[in-house]
Amino acid sequence: MGDAGEGLIDADARIQELADEREAARRERRIQQAPIDPVKTAQAASLKLGLSELRRQLEATEHPVRRKQLQAAIADVEKRLAKLG
């Protein structure tokens, strides 16, 4: 029969290896993630909200001149969203 202490040492070593692997994976994920720009995030959220309102207005509007204005505004907002990336 083997010594019971050897089993505990092997288990401790394995636990430490797993902890090291997890820590390395965490560090790698932090490095790979691009930093989030809060200003761009807020701008994008604002533009998306405005875009949904413009689309709602377009659906409710029947006047051709107003529809044309709304379509131009929607195109502009979509262009701005694309630039934010």
PDB file of N, CA and C in Angstrom:
ATOM      1  N   MET A   1       0.826  -1.183   0.000  1.00  0.00           N
ATOM      2  CA  MET A   1       0.000   0.000   0.000  1.00  0.00           C
ATOM      3  C   MET A   1       0.868   1.243   0.000  1.00  0.00           C
ATOM      4  N   GLY A   2       0.394   2.267  -0.705  1.00  0.00           N
ATOM      5  CA  GLY A   2       1.136   3.510  -0.781  1.00  0.00           C
ATOM      6  C   GLY A   2       0.882   4.387   0.432  1.00  0.00           C
ATOM      7  N   ASP A   3       1.690   5.322   0.560  1.00  0.00           N
ATOM      8  CA  ASP A   3       1.570   6.247   1.672  1.00  0.00           C
ATOM      9  C   ASP A   3       0.436   7.240   1.376  1.00  0.00           C
ATOM     10  N   ALA A   4      -0.460   7.454   2.314  1.00  0.00           N
ATOM     11  CA  ALA A   4      -1.603   8.343   2.123  1.00  0.00           C
ATOM     12  C   ALA A   4      -1.142   9.781   1.917  1.00  0.00           C
ATOM     13  N   GLY A   5      -0.018  10.139   2.487  1.00  0.00           N
ATOM     14  CA  GLY A   5       0.497  11.494   2.339  1.00  0.00           C
ATOM     15  C   GLY A   5       0.873  11.822   0.913  1.00  0.00           C
ATOM     16  N   GLU A   6       1.332  10.806   0.163  1.00  0.00           N
ATOM     17  CA  GLU A   6       1.678  11.041  -1.242  1.00  0.00           C
ATOM     18  C   GLU A   6       0.459  11.447  -2.060  1.00  0.00           C
ATOM     19  N   GLY A   7      -0.680  10.839  -1.769  1.00  0.00           N
ATOM     20  CA  GLY A   7      -1.924  11.176  -2.469  1.00  0.00           C
ATOM     21  C   GLY A   7      -2.325  12.618  -2.214  1.00  0.00           C
ATOM     22  N   LEU A   8      -2.164  13.063  -0.974  1.00  0.00           N
ATOM     23  CA  LEU A   8      -2.507  14.441  -0.644  1.00  0.00           C
ATOM     24  C   LEU A   8      -1.576  15.430  -1.331  1.00  0.00           C
ATOM     25  N   ILE A   9      -0.292  15.091  -1.393  1.00  0.00           N
ATOM     26  CA  ILE A   9       0.671  15.966  -2.063  1.00  0.00           C
ATOM     27  C   ILE A   9       0.349  16.058  -3.545  1.00  0.00           C
ATOM     28  N   ASP A  10       0.005  14.905  -4.163  1.00  0.00           N
ATOM     29  CA  ASP A  10      -0.368  14.912  -5.576  1.00  0.00           C
ATOM     30  C   ASP A  10      -1.633  15.748  -5.804  1.00  0.00           C
ATOM     31  N   ALA A  11      -2.605  15.623  -4.915  1.00  0.00           N
ATOM     32  CA  ALA A  11      -3.845  16.386  -5.046  1.00  0.00           C
ATOM     33  C   ALA A  11      -3.561  17.879  -4.895  1.00  0.00           C
ATOM     34  N   ASP A  12      -2.725  18.240  -3.926  1.00  0.00           N
ATOM     35  CA  ASP A  12      -2.371  19.648  -3.735  1.00  0.00           C
ATOM     36  C   ASP A  12      -1.660  20.204  -4.968  1.00  0.00           C
ATOM     37  N   ALA A  13      -0.772  19.429  -5.527  1.00  0.00           N
ATOM     38  CA  ALA A  13      -0.040  19.868  -6.711  1.00  0.00           C
ATOM     39  C   ALA A  13      -1.006  20.081  -7.885  1.00  0.00           C
ATOM     40  N   ARG A  14      -1.960  19.175  -8.032  1.00  0.00           N
ATOM     41  CA  ARG A  14      -2.932  19.280  -9.123  1.00  0.00           C
ATOM     42  C   ARG A  14      -3.830  20.517  -8.928  1.00  0.00           C
ATOM     43  N   ILE A  15      -4.246  20.752  -7.697  1.00  0.00           N
ATOM     44  CA  ILE A  15      -5.076  21.921  -7.410  1.00  0.00           C
ATOM     45  C   ILE A  15      -4.308  23.203  -7.738  1.00  0.00           C
ATOM     46  N   GLN A  16      -3.050  23.243  -7.374  1.00  0.00           N
ATOM     47  CA  GLN A  16      -2.228  24.417  -7.660  1.00  0.00           C
ATOM     48  C   GLN A  16      -2.058  24.618  -9.163  1.00  0.00           C
ATOM     49  N   GLU A  17      -1.883  23.524  -9.894  1.00  0.00           N
ATOM     50  CA  GLU A  17      -1.770  23.619 -11.353  1.00  0.00           C
ATOM     51  C   GLU A  17      -3.044  24.205 -11.961  1.00  0.00           C
ATOM     52  N   LEU A  18      -4.195  23.713 -11.493  1.00  0.00           N
ATOM     53  CA  LEU A  18      -5.467  24.228 -12.013  1.00  0.00           C
ATOM     54  C   LEU A  18      -5.635  25.707 -11.694  1.00  0.00           C
ATOM     55  N   ALA A  19      -5.265  26.112 -10.485  1.00  0.00           N
ATOM     56  CA  ALA A  19      -5.358  27.524 -10.107  1.00  0.00           C
ATOM     57  C   ALA A  19      -4.448  28.372 -10.982  1.00  0.00           C
ATOM     58  N   ASP A  20      -3.244  27.885 -11.245  1.00  0.00           N
ATOM     59  CA  ASP A  20      -2.320  28.622 -12.104  1.00  0.00           C
ATOM     60  C   ASP A  20      -2.865  28.747 -13.528  1.00  0.00           C
ATOM     61  N   GLU A  21      -3.456  27.677 -14.046  1.00  0.00           N
ATOM     62  CA  GLU A  21      -4.025  27.700 -15.387  1.00  0.00           C
ATOM     63  C   GLU A  21      -5.169  28.700 -15.479  1.00  0.00           C
ATOM     64  N   ARG A  22      -6.021  28.710 -14.453  1.00  0.00           N
ATOM     65  CA  ARG A  22      -7.148  29.649 -14.457  1.00  0.00           C
ATOM     66  C   ARG A  22      -6.666  31.099 -14.400  1.00  0.00           C
ATOM     67  N   GLU A  23      -5.667  31.350 -13.579  1.00  0.00           N
ATOM     68  CA  GLU A  23      -5.131  32.705 -13.475  1.00  0.00           C
ATOM     69  C   GLU A  23      -4.508  33.147 -14.797  1.00  0.00           C
ATOM     70  N   ALA A  24      -3.800  32.244 -15.449  1.00  0.00           N
ATOM     71  CA  ALA A  24      -3.192  32.562 -16.746  1.00  0.00           C
ATOM     72  C   ALA A  24      -4.285  32.848 -17.787  1.00  0.00           C
ATOM     73  N   ALA A  25      -5.358  32.059 -17.751  1.00  0.00           N
ATOM     74  CA  ALA A  25      -6.458  32.278 -18.691  1.00  0.00           C
ATOM     75  C   ALA A  25      -7.118  33.632 -18.437  1.00  0.00           C
ATOM     76  N   ARG A  26      -7.291  34.015 -17.165  1.00  0.00           N
ATOM     77  CA  ARG A  26      -7.867  35.316 -16.825  1.00  0.00           C
ATOM     78  C   ARG A  26      -7.004  36.452 -17.348  1.00  0.00           C
ATOM     79  N   ARG A  27      -5.695  36.333 -17.142  1.00  0.00           N
ATOM     80  CA  ARG A  27      -4.781  37.373 -17.616  1.00  0.00           C
ATOM     81  C   ARG A  27      -4.849  37.500 -19.131  1.00  0.00           C
ATOM     82  N   GLU A  28      -4.902  36.369 -19.806  1.00  0.00           N
ATOM     83  CA  GLU A  28      -4.943  36.373 -21.275  1.00  0.00           C
ATOM     84  C   GLU A  28      -6.233  37.026 -21.775  1.00  0.00           C
ATOM     85  N   ARG A  29      -7.368  36.748 -21.120  1.00  0.00           N
ATOM     86  CA  ARG A  29      -8.629  37.358 -21.527  1.00  0.00           C
ATOM     87  C   ARG A  29      -8.597  38.866 -21.331  1.00  0.00           C
ATOM     88  N   ARG A  30      -7.996  39.325 -20.237  1.00  0.00           N
ATOM     89  CA  ARG A  30      -7.903  40.766 -19.994  1.00  0.00           C
ATOM     90  C   ARG A  30      -7.070  41.443 -21.071  1.00  0.00           C
ATOM     91  N   ILE A  31      -6.004  40.802 -21.494  1.00  0.00           N
ATOM     92  CA  ILE A  31      -5.122  41.375 -22.507  1.00  0.00           C
ATOM     93  C   ILE A  31      -5.821  41.407 -23.860  1.00  0.00           C
ATOM     94  N   GLN A  32      -6.569  40.348 -24.182  1.00  0.00           N
ATOM     95  CA  GLN A  32      -7.200  40.252 -25.494  1.00  0.00           C
ATOM     96  C   GLN A  32      -8.368  41.210 -25.655  1.00  0.00           C
ATOM     97  N   GLN A  33      -9.071  41.533 -24.574  1.00  0.00           N
ATOM     98  CA  GLN A  33     -10.222  42.415 -24.678  1.00  0.00           C
ATOM     99  C   GLN A  33      -9.765  43.850 -24.902  1.00  0.00           C
ATOM    100  N   ALA A  34     -10.364  44.463 -25.899  1.00  0.00           N
ATOM    101  CA  ALA A  34     -10.053  45.856 -26.178  1.00  0.00           C
ATOM    102  C   ALA A  34     -10.699  46.720 -25.098  1.00  0.00           C
ATOM    103  N   PRO A  35     -10.031  47.751 -24.686  1.00  0.00           N
ATOM    104  CA  PRO A  35     -10.629  48.617 -23.671  1.00  0.00           C
ATOM    105  C   PRO A  35     -11.889  49.291 -24.215  1.00  0.00           C
ATOM    106  N   ILE A  36     -12.879  49.405 -23.375  1.00  0.00           N
ATOM    107  CA  ILE A  36     -14.160  49.986 -23.777  1.00  0.00           C
ATOM    108  C   ILE A  36     -14.113  51.489 -23.527  1.00  0.00           C
ATOM    109  N   ASP A  37     -14.432  52.238 -24.566  1.00  0.00           N
ATOM    110  CA  ASP A  37     -14.457  53.693 -24.461  1.00  0.00           C
ATOM    111  C   ASP A  37     -15.867  54.116 -24.037  1.00  0.00           C
ATOM    112  N   PRO A  38     -16.026  54.626 -22.819  1.00  0.00           N
ATOM    113  CA  PRO A  38     -17.371  54.974 -22.345  1.00  0.00           C
ATOM    114  C   PRO A  38     -18.025  56.089 -23.158  1.00  0.00           C
ATOM    115  N   VAL A  39     -17.226  56.984 -23.709  1.00  0.00           N
ATOM    116  CA  VAL A  39     -17.790  58.079 -24.508  1.00  0.00           C
ATOM    117  C   VAL A  39     -18.396  57.519 -25.797  1.00  0.00           C
ATOM    118  N   LYS A  40     -17.651  56.646 -26.468  1.00  0.00           N
ATOM    119  CA  LYS A  40     -18.169  56.047 -27.703  1.00  0.00           C
ATOM    120  C   LYS A  40     -19.395  55.187 -27.421  1.00  0.00           C
ATOM    121  N   THR A  41     -19.370  54.471 -26.308  1.00  0.00           N
ATOM    122  CA  THR A  41     -20.509  53.638 -25.935  1.00  0.00           C
ATOM    123  C   THR A  41     -21.750  54.497 -25.720  1.00  0.00           C
ATOM    124  N   ALA A  42     -21.587  55.616 -25.035  1.00  0.00           N
ATOM    125  CA  ALA A  42     -22.718  56.509 -24.794  1.00  0.00           C
ATOM    126  C   ALA A  42     -23.218  57.132 -26.094  1.00  0.00           C
ATOM    127  N   GLN A  43     -22.286  57.519 -26.964  1.00  0.00           N
ATOM    128  CA  GLN A  43     -22.678  58.096 -28.251  1.00  0.00           C
ATOM    129  C   GLN A  43     -23.462  57.077 -29.083  1.00  0.00           C
ATOM    130  N   ALA A  44     -22.976  55.846 -29.090  1.00  0.00           N
ATOM    131  CA  ALA A  44     -23.652  54.804 -29.865  1.00  0.00           C
ATOM    132  C   ALA A  44     -25.053  54.547 -29.314  1.00  0.00           C
ATOM    133  N   ALA A  45     -25.178  54.513 -28.000  1.00  0.00           N
ATOM    134  CA  ALA A  45     -26.499  54.294 -27.398  1.00  0.00           C
ATOM    135  C   ALA A  45     -27.445  55.431 -27.750  1.00  0.00           C
ATOM    136  N   SER A  46     -26.947  56.640 -27.707  1.00  0.00           N
ATOM    137  CA  SER A  46     -27.766  57.802 -28.046  1.00  0.00           C
ATOM    138  C   SER A  46     -28.197  57.767 -29.508  1.00  0.00           C
ATOM    139  N   LEU A  47     -27.274  57.438 -30.385  1.00  0.00           N
ATOM    140  CA  LEU A  47     -27.602  57.364 -31.811  1.00  0.00           C
ATOM    141  C   LEU A  47     -28.617  56.262 -32.091  1.00  0.00           C
ATOM    142  N   LYS A  48     -28.480  55.133 -31.427  1.00  0.00           N
ATOM    143  CA  LYS A  48     -29.432  54.028 -31.618  1.00  0.00           C
ATOM    144  C   LYS A  48     -30.822  54.428 -31.146  1.00  0.00           C
ATOM    145  N   LEU A  49     -30.875  55.130 -30.030  1.00  0.00           N
ATOM    146  CA  LEU A  49     -32.165  55.597 -29.534  1.00  0.00           C
ATOM    147  C   LEU A  49     -32.792  56.587 -30.510  1.00  0.00           C
ATOM    148  N   GLY A  50     -31.999  57.518 -31.003  1.00  0.00           N
ATOM    149  CA  GLY A  50     -32.495  58.478 -31.977  1.00  0.00           C
ATOM    150  C   GLY A  50     -32.943  57.809 -33.266  1.00  0.00           C
ATOM    151  N   LEU A  51     -32.192  56.805 -33.671  1.00  0.00           N
ATOM    152  CA  LEU A  51     -32.535  56.073 -34.900  1.00  0.00           C
ATOM    153  C   LEU A  51     -33.874  55.361 -34.753  1.00  0.00           C
ATOM    154  N   SER A  52     -34.103  54.760 -33.615  1.00  0.00           N
ATOM    155  CA  SER A  52     -35.386  54.075 -33.421  1.00  0.00           C
ATOM    156  C   SER A  52     -36.539  55.075 -33.424  1.00  0.00           C
ATOM    157  N   GLU A  53     -36.326  56.260 -32.854  1.00  0.00           N
ATOM    158  CA  GLU A  53     -37.364  57.293 -32.858  1.00  0.00           C
ATOM    159  C   GLU A  53     -37.617  57.799 -34.284  1.00  0.00           C
ATOM    160  N   LEU A  54     -36.562  58.003 -35.053  1.00  0.00           N
ATOM    161  CA  LEU A  54     -36.739  58.442 -36.441  1.00  0.00           C
ATOM    162  C   LEU A  54     -37.493  57.396 -37.259  1.00  0.00           C
ATOM    163  N   ARG A  55     -37.180  56.138 -37.057  1.00  0.00           N
ATOM    164  CA  ARG A  55     -37.888  55.068 -37.787  1.00  0.00           C
ATOM    165  C   ARG A  55     -39.356  55.016 -37.387  1.00  0.00           C
ATOM    166  N   ARG A  56     -39.639  55.230 -36.095  1.00  0.00           N
ATOM    167  CA  ARG A  56     -41.024  55.238 -35.639  1.00  0.00           C
ATOM    168  C   ARG A  56     -41.785  56.386 -36.312  1.00  0.00           C
ATOM    169  N   GLN A  57     -41.144  57.559 -36.365  1.00  0.00           N
ATOM    170  CA  GLN A  57     -41.776  58.713 -37.011  1.00  0.00           C
ATOM    171  C   GLN A  57     -42.003  58.462 -38.501  1.00  0.00           C
ATOM    172  N   LEU A  58     -41.028  57.812 -39.139  1.00  0.00           N
ATOM    173  CA  LEU A  58     -41.157  57.521 -40.570  1.00  0.00           C
ATOM    174  C   LEU A  58     -42.361  56.620 -40.835  1.00  0.00           C
ATOM    175  N   GLU A  59     -42.550  55.630 -39.975  1.00  0.00           N
ATOM    176  CA  GLU A  59     -43.698  54.729 -40.154  1.00  0.00           C
ATOM    177  C   GLU A  59     -45.023  55.459 -39.975  1.00  0.00           C
ATOM    178  N   ALA A  60     -45.047  56.466 -39.098  1.00  0.00           N
ATOM    179  CA  ALA A  60     -46.296  57.172 -38.803  1.00  0.00           C
ATOM    180  C   ALA A  60     -46.575  58.335 -39.751  1.00  0.00           C
ATOM    181  N   THR A  61     -45.585  58.757 -40.524  1.00  0.00           N
ATOM    182  CA  THR A  61     -45.723  59.946 -41.372  1.00  0.00           C
ATOM    183  C   THR A  61     -46.154  59.564 -42.778  1.00  0.00           C
ATOM    184  N   GLU A  62     -47.095  60.354 -43.302  1.00  0.00           N
ATOM    185  CA  GLU A  62     -47.569  60.115 -44.665  1.00  0.00           C
ATOM    186  C   GLU A  62     -47.140  61.225 -45.629  1.00  0.00           C
ATOM    187  N   HIS A  63     -46.793  62.380 -45.095  1.00  0.00           N
ATOM    188  CA  HIS A  63     -46.437  63.511 -45.951  1.00  0.00           C
ATOM    189  C   HIS A  63     -45.107  63.221 -46.650  1.00  0.00           C
ATOM    190  N   PRO A  64     -45.069  63.324 -47.985  1.00  0.00           N
ATOM    191  CA  PRO A  64     -43.862  62.935 -48.739  1.00  0.00           C
ATOM    192  C   PRO A  64     -42.616  63.767 -48.409  1.00  0.00           C
ATOM    193  N   VAL A  65     -42.763  65.047 -48.154  1.00  0.00           N
ATOM    194  CA  VAL A  65     -41.601  65.882 -47.849  1.00  0.00           C
ATOM    195  C   VAL A  65     -41.017  65.480 -46.485  1.00  0.00           C
ATOM    196  N   ARG A  66     -41.916  65.287 -45.516  1.00  0.00           N
ATOM    197  CA  ARG A  66     -41.454  64.882 -44.190  1.00  0.00           C
ATOM    198  C   ARG A  66     -40.808  63.494 -44.236  1.00  0.00           C
ATOM    199  N   ARG A  67     -41.365  62.595 -45.020  1.00  0.00           N
ATOM    200  CA  ARG A  67     -40.780  61.248 -45.159  1.00  0.00           C
ATOM    201  C   ARG A  67     -39.357  61.346 -45.728  1.00  0.00           C
ATOM    202  N   LYS A  68     -39.196  62.247 -46.709  1.00  0.00           N
ATOM    203  CA  LYS A  68     -37.879  62.428 -47.325  1.00  0.00           C
ATOM    204  C   LYS A  68     -36.879  62.963 -46.290  1.00  0.00           C
ATOM    205  N   GLN A  69     -37.323  63.925 -45.466  1.00  0.00           N
ATOM    206  CA  GLN A  69     -36.466  64.457 -44.406  1.00  0.00           C
ATOM    207  C   GLN A  69     -36.066  63.361 -43.418  1.00  0.00           C
ATOM    208  N   LEU A  70     -37.028  62.555 -43.029  1.00  0.00           N
ATOM    209  CA  LEU A  70     -36.750  61.481 -42.070  1.00  0.00           C
ATOM    210  C   LEU A  70     -35.802  60.433 -42.656  1.00  0.00           C
ATOM    211  N   GLN A  71     -35.984  60.108 -43.919  1.00  0.00           N
ATOM    212  CA  GLN A  71     -35.093  59.142 -44.567  1.00  0.00           C
ATOM    213  C   GLN A  71     -33.669  59.674 -44.618  1.00  0.00           C
ATOM    214  N   ALA A  72     -33.509  60.970 -44.887  1.00  0.00           N
ATOM    215  CA  ALA A  72     -32.175  61.573 -44.904  1.00  0.00           C
ATOM    216  C   ALA A  72     -31.558  61.552 -43.502  1.00  0.00           C
ATOM    217  N   ALA A  73     -32.368  61.844 -42.503  1.00  0.00           N
ATOM    218  CA  ALA A  73     -31.878  61.830 -41.128  1.00  0.00           C
ATOM    219  C   ALA A  73     -31.470  60.419 -40.707  1.00  0.00           C
ATOM    220  N   ILE A  74     -32.256  59.430 -41.093  1.00  0.00           N
ATOM    221  CA  ILE A  74     -31.937  58.032 -40.774  1.00  0.00           C
ATOM    222  C   ILE A  74     -30.618  57.632 -41.429  1.00  0.00           C
ATOM    223  N   ALA A  75     -30.440  58.020 -42.685  1.00  0.00           N
ATOM    224  CA  ALA A  75     -29.191  57.700 -43.381  1.00  0.00           C
ATOM    225  C   ALA A  75     -27.998  58.337 -42.677  1.00  0.00           C
ATOM    226  N   ASP A  76     -28.167  59.575 -42.224  1.00  0.00           N
ATOM    227  CA  ASP A  76     -27.080  60.274 -41.530  1.00  0.00           C
ATOM    228  C   ASP A  76     -26.744  59.581 -40.207  1.00  0.00           C
ATOM    229  N   VAL A  77     -27.754  59.219 -39.458  1.00  0.00           N
ATOM    230  CA  VAL A  77     -27.514  58.557 -38.166  1.00  0.00           C
ATOM    231  C   VAL A  77     -26.860  57.193 -38.392  1.00  0.00           C
ATOM    232  N   GLU A  78     -27.298  56.462 -39.396  1.00  0.00           N
ATOM    233  CA  GLU A  78     -26.687  55.159 -39.694  1.00  0.00           C
ATOM    234  C   GLU A  78     -25.217  55.320 -40.075  1.00  0.00           C
ATOM    235  N   LYS A  79     -24.910  56.394 -40.823  1.00  0.00           N
ATOM    236  CA  LYS A  79     -23.526  56.668 -41.211  1.00  0.00           C
ATOM    237  C   LYS A  79     -22.674  56.956 -39.967  1.00  0.00           C
ATOM    238  N   ARG A  80     -23.225  57.747 -39.053  1.00  0.00           N
ATOM    239  CA  ARG A  80     -22.514  58.070 -37.819  1.00  0.00           C
ATOM    240  C   ARG A  80     -22.271  56.811 -36.967  1.00  0.00           C
ATOM    241  N   LEU A  81     -23.268  55.948 -36.909  1.00  0.00           N
ATOM    242  CA  LEU A  81     -23.112  54.690 -36.159  1.00  0.00           C
ATOM    243  C   LEU A  81     -22.020  53.819 -36.771  1.00  0.00           C
ATOM    244  N   ALA A  82     -21.977  53.797 -38.095  1.00  0.00           N
ATOM    245  CA  ALA A  82     -20.954  52.994 -38.774  1.00  0.00           C
ATOM    246  C   ALA A  82     -19.554  53.532 -38.474  1.00  0.00           C
ATOM    247  N   LYS A  83     -19.420  54.842 -38.387  1.00  0.00           N
ATOM    248  CA  LYS A  83     -18.105  55.433 -38.072  1.00  0.00           C
ATOM    249  C   LYS A  83     -17.661  55.100 -36.658  1.00  0.00           C
ATOM    250  N   LEU A  84     -18.607  55.002 -35.731  1.00  0.00           N
ATOM    251  CA  LEU A  84     -18.255  54.650 -34.350  1.00  0.00           C
ATOM    252  C   LEU A  84     -17.746  53.216 -34.266  1.00  0.00           C
ATOM    253  N   GLY A  85     -18.224  52.408 -35.192  1.00  0.00           N
ATOM    254  CA  GLY A  85     -17.698  51.065 -35.322  1.00  0.00           C
ATOM    255  C   GLY A  85     -18.226  50.075 -34.412  1.00  0.00           C
TER     256      GLY A  85
END
